């Protein structure tokens, strides 16, 4: 699911005062980051965990012999900065480490200078933000359609990847 960086969070309910970071799809900004950024992000708890998981769409060969071997994510990391809260998929750590994703500077600054996830203030700020969430009321049919669309999209990417690999193999002979 793509949410443009620094747009209002709109994944598990819309929360206007929370900014989204790292909900990637297609091209994204790349660059070097301080290695300490990943180290700090790894200290934040994964919240809003989902039953399923999301595979990294930028990695090849994520499924081998019917088993998932690629990077997966199933939740979010929330950063509470001095003046702003940011929500990112838990895969943001992988995106930064393995795909050179360069998050917005204000997000990076908040990771380095924000409120520790171990403090009571961190939890209080997140709970206050979640209380303002506006949830879309979907019918069963709309939800089923959304899930089916996402499954078809993911399957199409996997099939396309396999077809291209087979074509390149044939071209090498």
N, C-alpha and C. Protein backbone atom coordinates (compact mmCIF):
# COMPACT_ATOMS: atom_id res chain seq x y z
N UNK A 1 0.85 -1.18 0.00
CA UNK A 1 0.00 0.00 0.00
C UNK A 1 0.89 1.24 0.00
N UNK A 2 0.62 2.12 -0.89
CA UNK A 2 1.41 3.34 -1.02
C UNK A 2 0.71 4.49 -0.29
N UNK A 3 1.45 5.13 0.58
CA UNK A 3 1.04 6.39 1.18
C UNK A 3 2.25 7.30 1.02
N UNK A 4 2.08 8.41 0.37
CA UNK A 4 3.18 9.32 0.13
C UNK A 4 3.78 9.80 1.45
N UNK A 5 5.11 9.89 1.49
CA UNK A 5 5.79 10.35 2.70
C UNK A 5 5.24 11.70 3.15
N UNK A 6 5.06 11.81 4.46
CA UNK A 6 4.62 13.00 5.18
C UNK A 6 3.15 13.35 4.95
N UNK A 7 2.40 12.43 4.35
CA UNK A 7 0.96 12.61 4.22
C UNK A 7 0.30 12.08 5.50
N UNK A 8 -0.93 12.53 5.79
CA UNK A 8 -1.60 12.02 6.99
C UNK A 8 -1.72 10.49 6.94
N UNK A 9 -1.53 9.90 8.09
CA UNK A 9 -1.65 8.45 8.25
C UNK A 9 -3.07 8.02 7.89
N UNK A 10 -3.16 7.01 7.04
CA UNK A 10 -4.49 6.54 6.62
C UNK A 10 -4.41 5.04 6.31
N UNK A 11 -4.01 4.29 7.30
CA UNK A 11 -3.91 2.85 7.09
C UNK A 11 -4.90 2.12 7.99
N UNK A 12 -4.70 2.19 9.28
CA UNK A 12 -5.65 1.57 10.22
C UNK A 12 -6.50 2.68 10.82
N UNK A 13 -7.21 3.37 9.97
CA UNK A 13 -7.95 4.55 10.37
C UNK A 13 -7.17 5.77 9.98
N UNK A 14 -7.86 6.85 9.71
CA UNK A 14 -7.18 8.09 9.32
C UNK A 14 -6.92 8.93 10.57
N UNK A 15 -5.65 9.33 10.71
CA UNK A 15 -5.26 10.17 11.85
C UNK A 15 -4.50 11.35 11.28
N UNK A 16 -5.17 12.47 11.20
CA UNK A 16 -4.64 13.67 10.55
C UNK A 16 -3.32 14.15 11.15
N UNK A 17 -3.16 14.06 12.48
CA UNK A 17 -1.94 14.62 13.08
C UNK A 17 -0.76 13.66 13.08
N UNK A 18 -0.92 12.47 12.49
CA UNK A 18 0.19 11.52 12.36
C UNK A 18 0.61 11.49 10.90
N UNK A 19 1.93 11.62 10.66
CA UNK A 19 2.44 11.60 9.28
C UNK A 19 2.95 10.21 8.93
N UNK A 20 2.71 9.81 7.70
CA UNK A 20 3.16 8.52 7.19
C UNK A 20 4.56 8.64 6.59
N UNK A 21 5.37 7.62 6.83
CA UNK A 21 6.72 7.56 6.25
C UNK A 21 7.01 6.10 5.90
N UNK A 22 7.53 5.87 4.71
CA UNK A 22 8.02 4.54 4.36
C UNK A 22 7.00 3.57 3.81
N UNK A 23 5.81 4.04 3.45
CA UNK A 23 4.80 3.16 2.84
C UNK A 23 5.09 3.16 1.34
N UNK A 24 6.06 2.37 0.94
CA UNK A 24 6.63 2.44 -0.40
C UNK A 24 5.88 1.60 -1.43
N UNK A 25 5.94 2.09 -2.64
CA UNK A 25 5.45 1.37 -3.81
C UNK A 25 6.07 2.07 -5.01
N UNK A 26 6.66 1.32 -5.91
CA UNK A 26 7.31 1.94 -7.06
C UNK A 26 8.62 2.59 -6.67
N UNK A 27 8.94 3.71 -7.30
CA UNK A 27 10.19 4.43 -7.02
C UNK A 27 10.11 5.16 -5.69
N UNK A 28 11.26 5.33 -5.06
CA UNK A 28 11.31 6.03 -3.78
C UNK A 28 12.67 6.71 -3.65
N UNK A 29 12.80 7.72 -2.77
CA UNK A 29 14.07 8.42 -2.60
C UNK A 29 15.13 7.48 -2.01
N UNK A 30 16.34 7.57 -2.56
CA UNK A 30 17.43 6.73 -2.08
C UNK A 30 18.61 7.60 -1.67
N UNK A 31 19.38 7.09 -0.74
CA UNK A 31 20.57 7.79 -0.29
C UNK A 31 21.15 7.11 0.93
N UNK A 32 22.30 7.59 1.34
CA UNK A 32 22.98 7.03 2.51
C UNK A 32 22.38 7.64 3.78
N UNK A 33 22.31 6.81 4.82
CA UNK A 33 21.86 7.29 6.13
C UNK A 33 22.90 6.89 7.17
N UNK A 34 22.88 7.57 8.26
CA UNK A 34 23.74 7.23 9.39
C UNK A 34 23.34 5.83 9.86
N UNK A 35 24.28 4.90 9.99
CA UNK A 35 23.95 3.54 10.44
C UNK A 35 23.24 3.51 11.80
N UNK A 36 23.43 4.54 12.58
CA UNK A 36 22.76 4.62 13.89
C UNK A 36 21.25 4.74 13.74
N UNK A 37 20.79 5.24 12.58
CA UNK A 37 19.35 5.36 12.35
C UNK A 37 18.68 3.99 12.46
N UNK A 38 19.22 3.01 11.79
CA UNK A 38 18.66 1.66 11.85
C UNK A 38 18.75 1.11 13.27
N UNK A 39 19.88 1.32 13.91
CA UNK A 39 20.06 0.86 15.28
C UNK A 39 18.98 1.43 16.20
N UNK A 40 18.69 2.71 16.04
CA UNK A 40 17.65 3.35 16.87
C UNK A 40 16.26 2.84 16.51
N UNK A 41 15.98 2.70 15.22
CA UNK A 41 14.66 2.21 14.79
C UNK A 41 14.38 0.81 15.33
N UNK A 42 15.42 0.00 15.40
CA UNK A 42 15.24 -1.38 15.89
C UNK A 42 14.86 -1.43 17.36
N UNK A 43 15.03 -0.34 18.09
CA UNK A 43 14.67 -0.29 19.50
C UNK A 43 13.18 0.02 19.72
N UNK A 44 12.50 0.49 18.67
CA UNK A 44 11.09 0.83 18.82
C UNK A 44 10.24 -0.43 18.73
N UNK A 45 9.17 -0.49 19.51
CA UNK A 45 8.30 -1.67 19.44
C UNK A 45 7.50 -1.67 18.14
N UNK A 46 7.18 -2.86 17.67
CA UNK A 46 6.28 -2.99 16.53
C UNK A 46 4.87 -3.01 17.09
N UNK A 47 4.05 -2.06 16.64
CA UNK A 47 2.67 -1.95 17.13
C UNK A 47 1.71 -2.15 15.96
N UNK A 48 0.44 -2.18 16.26
CA UNK A 48 -0.61 -2.38 15.25
C UNK A 48 -0.31 -3.62 14.40
N UNK A 49 0.09 -4.68 15.07
CA UNK A 49 0.42 -5.91 14.35
C UNK A 49 -0.83 -6.48 13.68
N UNK A 50 -0.60 -7.05 12.51
CA UNK A 50 -1.68 -7.66 11.74
C UNK A 50 -1.52 -9.17 11.76
N UNK A 51 -2.57 -9.86 11.43
CA UNK A 51 -2.51 -11.33 11.39
C UNK A 51 -1.62 -11.82 10.26
N UNK A 52 -1.70 -11.18 9.14
CA UNK A 52 -0.91 -11.58 7.98
C UNK A 52 0.42 -10.88 7.97
N UNK A 53 1.02 -10.79 6.80
CA UNK A 53 2.30 -10.13 6.66
C UNK A 53 2.42 -9.58 5.25
N UNK A 54 3.37 -8.70 5.09
CA UNK A 54 3.64 -8.08 3.79
C UNK A 54 5.05 -8.46 3.38
N UNK A 55 5.20 -8.96 2.16
CA UNK A 55 6.53 -9.27 1.62
C UNK A 55 7.12 -8.01 1.01
N UNK A 56 8.42 -7.87 1.09
CA UNK A 56 9.10 -6.74 0.45
C UNK A 56 9.00 -6.91 -1.06
N UNK A 57 8.39 -5.95 -1.71
CA UNK A 57 8.22 -6.05 -3.16
C UNK A 57 9.49 -5.73 -3.93
N UNK A 58 10.52 -5.31 -3.25
CA UNK A 58 11.78 -4.96 -3.92
C UNK A 58 12.80 -6.09 -3.90
N UNK A 59 12.51 -7.14 -3.16
CA UNK A 59 13.42 -8.30 -3.09
C UNK A 59 12.97 -9.35 -4.10
N UNK A 60 13.94 -10.01 -4.70
CA UNK A 60 13.65 -11.11 -5.62
C UNK A 60 13.65 -12.43 -4.84
N UNK A 61 13.04 -13.43 -5.45
CA UNK A 61 13.08 -14.80 -4.90
C UNK A 61 12.72 -14.86 -3.42
N UNK A 62 11.55 -14.37 -3.08
CA UNK A 62 11.14 -14.37 -1.68
C UNK A 62 10.53 -15.69 -1.24
N UNK A 63 10.12 -16.50 -2.22
CA UNK A 63 9.52 -17.79 -1.89
C UNK A 63 10.32 -18.87 -2.60
N UNK A 64 10.86 -19.80 -1.82
CA UNK A 64 11.64 -20.91 -2.37
C UNK A 64 11.10 -22.20 -1.80
N UNK A 65 10.84 -23.15 -2.67
CA UNK A 65 10.32 -24.46 -2.25
C UNK A 65 9.08 -24.31 -1.38
N UNK A 66 8.24 -23.35 -1.73
CA UNK A 66 6.99 -23.14 -1.01
C UNK A 66 7.14 -22.47 0.35
N UNK A 67 8.34 -22.01 0.68
CA UNK A 67 8.57 -21.35 1.97
C UNK A 67 9.01 -19.92 1.74
N UNK A 68 8.57 -19.06 2.63
CA UNK A 68 8.94 -17.64 2.55
C UNK A 68 10.36 -17.48 3.10
N UNK A 69 11.23 -16.92 2.28
CA UNK A 69 12.62 -16.70 2.70
C UNK A 69 12.98 -15.22 2.68
N UNK A 70 12.09 -14.40 2.16
CA UNK A 70 12.35 -12.96 2.06
C UNK A 70 11.93 -12.23 3.32
N UNK A 71 12.17 -10.93 3.30
CA UNK A 71 11.81 -10.06 4.43
C UNK A 71 10.29 -9.86 4.46
N UNK A 72 9.74 -9.90 5.66
CA UNK A 72 8.31 -9.67 5.83
C UNK A 72 8.09 -8.64 6.94
N UNK A 73 6.93 -8.02 6.90
CA UNK A 73 6.54 -7.09 7.94
C UNK A 73 5.08 -7.33 8.30
N UNK A 74 4.73 -7.09 9.54
CA UNK A 74 3.34 -7.29 9.94
C UNK A 74 2.85 -6.24 10.93
N UNK A 75 3.50 -5.12 10.95
CA UNK A 75 3.08 -4.09 11.90
C UNK A 75 3.71 -2.75 11.56
N UNK A 76 3.73 -1.89 12.54
CA UNK A 76 4.19 -0.52 12.33
C UNK A 76 5.15 -0.10 13.44
N UNK A 77 5.97 0.87 13.11
CA UNK A 77 6.84 1.53 14.09
C UNK A 77 6.38 2.98 14.14
N UNK A 78 6.06 3.47 15.32
CA UNK A 78 5.64 4.86 15.48
C UNK A 78 6.75 5.62 16.20
N UNK A 79 7.07 6.77 15.64
CA UNK A 79 8.09 7.65 16.21
C UNK A 79 7.39 8.90 16.74
N UNK A 80 7.65 9.23 17.97
CA UNK A 80 7.07 10.44 18.56
C UNK A 80 8.18 11.48 18.64
N UNK A 81 8.10 12.45 17.74
CA UNK A 81 9.06 13.54 17.74
C UNK A 81 8.62 14.60 18.73
N UNK A 82 9.36 15.69 18.74
CA UNK A 82 9.03 16.78 19.67
C UNK A 82 7.70 17.44 19.31
N UNK A 83 7.42 17.55 18.00
CA UNK A 83 6.20 18.22 17.56
C UNK A 83 5.33 17.38 16.64
N UNK A 84 5.74 16.15 16.36
CA UNK A 84 5.05 15.36 15.33
C UNK A 84 5.18 13.87 15.64
N UNK A 85 4.15 13.13 15.25
CA UNK A 85 4.20 11.67 15.34
C UNK A 85 4.26 11.12 13.93
N UNK A 86 5.05 10.08 13.74
CA UNK A 86 5.21 9.44 12.43
C UNK A 86 4.87 7.95 12.56
N UNK A 87 4.20 7.43 11.56
CA UNK A 87 3.90 6.00 11.50
C UNK A 87 4.57 5.42 10.27
N UNK A 88 5.27 4.31 10.46
CA UNK A 88 5.98 3.66 9.36
C UNK A 88 5.72 2.15 9.43
N UNK A 89 5.71 1.49 8.28
CA UNK A 89 5.60 0.03 8.32
C UNK A 89 6.88 -0.54 8.95
N UNK A 90 6.76 -1.67 9.62
CA UNK A 90 7.95 -2.25 10.25
C UNK A 90 9.04 -2.60 9.24
N UNK A 91 8.67 -2.77 7.97
CA UNK A 91 9.66 -3.03 6.93
C UNK A 91 10.56 -1.83 6.63
N UNK A 92 10.29 -0.68 7.22
CA UNK A 92 11.12 0.49 6.95
C UNK A 92 12.59 0.22 7.28
N UNK A 93 12.83 -0.57 8.30
CA UNK A 93 14.22 -0.90 8.66
C UNK A 93 14.89 -1.64 7.51
N UNK A 94 14.20 -2.62 6.96
CA UNK A 94 14.71 -3.37 5.81
C UNK A 94 14.89 -2.46 4.60
N UNK A 95 13.92 -1.59 4.35
CA UNK A 95 14.01 -0.68 3.20
C UNK A 95 15.26 0.19 3.30
N UNK A 96 15.55 0.68 4.49
CA UNK A 96 16.73 1.54 4.69
C UNK A 96 18.02 0.72 4.55
N UNK A 97 18.08 -0.42 5.24
CA UNK A 97 19.31 -1.24 5.24
C UNK A 97 19.61 -1.84 3.88
N UNK A 98 18.60 -2.43 3.25
CA UNK A 98 18.86 -3.24 2.05
C UNK A 98 18.51 -2.58 0.73
N UNK A 99 17.73 -1.50 0.77
CA UNK A 99 17.33 -0.85 -0.48
C UNK A 99 17.67 0.63 -0.51
N UNK A 100 18.42 1.09 0.50
CA UNK A 100 18.88 2.48 0.58
C UNK A 100 17.76 3.52 0.56
N UNK A 101 16.59 3.14 1.09
CA UNK A 101 15.51 4.13 1.21
C UNK A 101 15.98 5.27 2.09
N UNK A 102 15.74 6.48 1.64
CA UNK A 102 16.10 7.68 2.39
C UNK A 102 14.83 8.35 2.89
N UNK A 103 14.50 8.16 4.17
CA UNK A 103 13.30 8.81 4.72
C UNK A 103 13.47 10.32 4.76
N UNK A 104 12.38 11.06 4.89
CA UNK A 104 12.47 12.52 5.02
C UNK A 104 13.32 12.92 6.23
N UNK A 105 14.04 14.02 6.09
CA UNK A 105 14.94 14.48 7.15
C UNK A 105 14.20 14.73 8.46
N UNK A 106 12.98 15.25 8.39
CA UNK A 106 12.27 15.52 9.66
C UNK A 106 11.96 14.23 10.41
N UNK A 107 11.74 13.14 9.70
CA UNK A 107 11.54 11.83 10.33
C UNK A 107 12.85 11.38 10.99
N UNK A 108 13.94 11.48 10.24
CA UNK A 108 15.25 11.08 10.76
C UNK A 108 15.58 11.89 12.02
N UNK A 109 15.34 13.19 11.97
CA UNK A 109 15.60 14.04 13.13
C UNK A 109 14.77 13.60 14.34
N UNK A 110 13.53 13.19 14.09
CA UNK A 110 12.67 12.75 15.19
C UNK A 110 13.13 11.42 15.78
N UNK A 111 13.67 10.54 14.93
CA UNK A 111 14.21 9.28 15.45
C UNK A 111 15.37 9.58 16.39
N UNK A 112 16.24 10.51 15.99
CA UNK A 112 17.42 10.83 16.80
C UNK A 112 17.08 11.69 18.03
N UNK A 113 16.09 12.57 17.90
CA UNK A 113 15.84 13.55 18.96
C UNK A 113 14.46 13.46 19.59
N UNK A 114 13.68 12.46 19.22
CA UNK A 114 12.31 12.36 19.72
C UNK A 114 12.22 11.73 21.10
N UNK A 115 11.01 11.36 21.43
CA UNK A 115 10.71 10.80 22.75
C UNK A 115 11.00 9.31 22.74
N UNK A 116 11.68 8.83 23.75
CA UNK A 116 12.04 7.42 23.86
C UNK A 116 10.79 6.55 23.94
N UNK A 117 10.83 5.42 23.24
CA UNK A 117 9.69 4.50 23.26
C UNK A 117 9.50 3.86 24.63
N UNK A 118 10.46 4.00 25.49
CA UNK A 118 10.37 3.43 26.83
C UNK A 118 9.70 4.36 27.83
N UNK A 119 9.44 5.59 27.41
CA UNK A 119 8.86 6.56 28.35
C UNK A 119 7.33 6.49 28.34
N UNK A 120 6.75 6.89 29.45
CA UNK A 120 5.29 6.94 29.56
C UNK A 120 4.72 7.97 28.59
N UNK A 121 5.46 9.06 28.35
CA UNK A 121 4.99 10.10 27.44
C UNK A 121 4.82 9.56 26.02
N UNK A 122 5.72 8.69 25.60
CA UNK A 122 5.63 8.06 24.27
C UNK A 122 4.28 7.34 24.14
N UNK A 123 3.98 6.47 25.09
CA UNK A 123 2.71 5.72 25.05
C UNK A 123 1.51 6.65 25.10
N UNK A 124 1.57 7.65 25.94
CA UNK A 124 0.45 8.59 26.09
C UNK A 124 0.19 9.34 24.79
N UNK A 125 1.25 9.80 24.13
CA UNK A 125 1.09 10.54 22.86
C UNK A 125 0.48 9.64 21.78
N UNK A 126 0.91 8.40 21.71
CA UNK A 126 0.36 7.48 20.72
C UNK A 126 -1.11 7.20 21.00
N UNK A 127 -1.45 6.95 22.25
CA UNK A 127 -2.85 6.69 22.61
C UNK A 127 -3.73 7.90 22.31
N UNK A 128 -3.23 9.09 22.61
CA UNK A 128 -3.99 10.31 22.31
C UNK A 128 -4.24 10.43 20.81
N UNK A 129 -3.23 10.15 20.02
CA UNK A 129 -3.38 10.23 18.55
C UNK A 129 -4.39 9.19 18.06
N UNK A 130 -4.29 7.98 18.57
CA UNK A 130 -5.20 6.91 18.13
C UNK A 130 -6.66 7.21 18.47
N UNK A 131 -6.85 7.94 19.55
CA UNK A 131 -8.22 8.30 19.95
C UNK A 131 -8.90 9.21 18.92
N UNK A 132 -8.12 9.88 18.09
CA UNK A 132 -8.69 10.78 17.08
C UNK A 132 -8.90 10.09 15.73
N UNK A 133 -8.61 8.81 15.65
CA UNK A 133 -8.72 8.08 14.37
C UNK A 133 -10.16 8.07 13.86
N UNK A 134 -10.26 8.23 12.56
CA UNK A 134 -11.56 8.13 11.88
C UNK A 134 -11.50 6.86 11.04
N UNK A 135 -12.42 5.94 11.29
CA UNK A 135 -12.41 4.66 10.60
C UNK A 135 -13.44 4.62 9.49
N UNK A 136 -13.02 4.09 8.37
CA UNK A 136 -13.91 3.93 7.23
C UNK A 136 -14.84 2.75 7.52
N UNK A 137 -16.11 2.96 7.30
CA UNK A 137 -17.07 1.88 7.45
C UNK A 137 -17.21 1.18 6.11
N UNK A 138 -16.76 -0.06 6.05
CA UNK A 138 -16.79 -0.81 4.80
C UNK A 138 -17.79 -1.95 4.92
N UNK A 139 -18.42 -2.23 3.81
CA UNK A 139 -19.28 -3.41 3.77
C UNK A 139 -18.39 -4.64 3.61
N UNK A 140 -18.94 -5.78 3.84
CA UNK A 140 -18.20 -7.03 3.65
C UNK A 140 -17.70 -7.13 2.22
N UNK A 141 -18.55 -6.76 1.27
CA UNK A 141 -18.19 -6.85 -0.15
C UNK A 141 -17.03 -5.91 -0.49
N UNK A 142 -17.03 -4.69 0.07
CA UNK A 142 -15.94 -3.76 -0.18
C UNK A 142 -14.63 -4.28 0.40
N UNK A 143 -14.68 -4.82 1.59
CA UNK A 143 -13.49 -5.36 2.22
C UNK A 143 -12.96 -6.55 1.44
N UNK A 144 -13.85 -7.44 1.04
CA UNK A 144 -13.45 -8.61 0.25
C UNK A 144 -12.82 -8.17 -1.07
N UNK A 145 -13.42 -7.18 -1.71
CA UNK A 145 -12.90 -6.67 -2.98
C UNK A 145 -11.50 -6.08 -2.79
N UNK A 146 -11.29 -5.32 -1.72
CA UNK A 146 -9.97 -4.74 -1.43
C UNK A 146 -8.93 -5.83 -1.22
N UNK A 147 -9.29 -6.85 -0.46
CA UNK A 147 -8.37 -7.96 -0.20
C UNK A 147 -8.05 -8.70 -1.49
N UNK A 148 -9.06 -8.96 -2.29
CA UNK A 148 -8.85 -9.66 -3.56
C UNK A 148 -7.96 -8.83 -4.49
N UNK A 149 -8.19 -7.53 -4.57
CA UNK A 149 -7.37 -6.66 -5.41
C UNK A 149 -5.91 -6.72 -4.98
N UNK A 150 -5.65 -6.68 -3.68
CA UNK A 150 -4.29 -6.73 -3.17
C UNK A 150 -3.65 -8.08 -3.48
N UNK A 151 -4.41 -9.16 -3.33
CA UNK A 151 -3.88 -10.50 -3.62
C UNK A 151 -3.53 -10.64 -5.10
N UNK A 152 -4.41 -10.15 -5.97
CA UNK A 152 -4.16 -10.23 -7.41
C UNK A 152 -2.91 -9.41 -7.76
N UNK A 153 -2.79 -8.23 -7.17
CA UNK A 153 -1.63 -7.37 -7.44
C UNK A 153 -0.34 -8.08 -7.03
N UNK A 154 -0.32 -8.68 -5.84
CA UNK A 154 0.88 -9.36 -5.36
C UNK A 154 1.19 -10.60 -6.20
N UNK A 155 0.16 -11.34 -6.57
CA UNK A 155 0.35 -12.53 -7.39
C UNK A 155 0.88 -12.13 -8.77
N UNK A 156 0.35 -11.05 -9.33
CA UNK A 156 0.81 -10.59 -10.64
C UNK A 156 2.29 -10.25 -10.61
N UNK A 157 2.75 -9.60 -9.56
CA UNK A 157 4.17 -9.27 -9.44
C UNK A 157 5.02 -10.54 -9.40
N UNK A 158 4.57 -11.53 -8.64
CA UNK A 158 5.31 -12.79 -8.52
C UNK A 158 5.36 -13.51 -9.86
N UNK A 159 4.22 -13.57 -10.56
CA UNK A 159 4.17 -14.24 -11.86
C UNK A 159 5.05 -13.50 -12.87
N UNK A 160 4.95 -12.17 -12.91
CA UNK A 160 5.78 -11.38 -13.82
C UNK A 160 7.26 -11.64 -13.57
N UNK A 161 7.65 -11.71 -12.31
CA UNK A 161 9.04 -11.96 -11.97
C UNK A 161 9.50 -13.31 -12.50
N UNK A 162 8.68 -14.34 -12.32
CA UNK A 162 9.05 -15.68 -12.80
C UNK A 162 9.10 -15.73 -14.32
N UNK A 163 8.18 -15.08 -14.99
CA UNK A 163 8.16 -15.06 -16.46
C UNK A 163 9.43 -14.39 -16.99
N UNK A 164 9.78 -13.25 -16.41
CA UNK A 164 10.99 -12.55 -16.85
C UNK A 164 12.24 -13.39 -16.63
N UNK A 165 12.32 -14.06 -15.50
CA UNK A 165 13.49 -14.91 -15.23
C UNK A 165 13.59 -16.03 -16.26
N UNK A 166 12.46 -16.64 -16.60
CA UNK A 166 12.46 -17.71 -17.59
C UNK A 166 12.87 -17.18 -18.97
N UNK A 167 12.39 -16.01 -19.33
CA UNK A 167 12.76 -15.41 -20.61
C UNK A 167 14.26 -15.14 -20.68
N UNK A 168 14.82 -14.62 -19.57
CA UNK A 168 16.26 -14.34 -19.56
C UNK A 168 17.07 -15.63 -19.62
N UNK A 169 16.58 -16.68 -18.99
CA UNK A 169 17.26 -17.97 -19.05
C UNK A 169 17.31 -18.48 -20.48
N UNK A 170 16.18 -18.36 -21.20
CA UNK A 170 16.11 -18.81 -22.59
C UNK A 170 17.02 -17.99 -23.48
N UNK A 171 17.17 -16.71 -23.17
CA UNK A 171 18.02 -15.83 -23.96
C UNK A 171 19.49 -16.14 -23.78
N UNK A 172 19.85 -16.76 -22.65
CA UNK A 172 21.25 -17.11 -22.39
C UNK A 172 21.68 -18.35 -23.14
N UNK A 173 20.73 -19.16 -23.61
CA UNK A 173 21.06 -20.44 -24.29
C UNK A 173 21.42 -20.24 -25.73
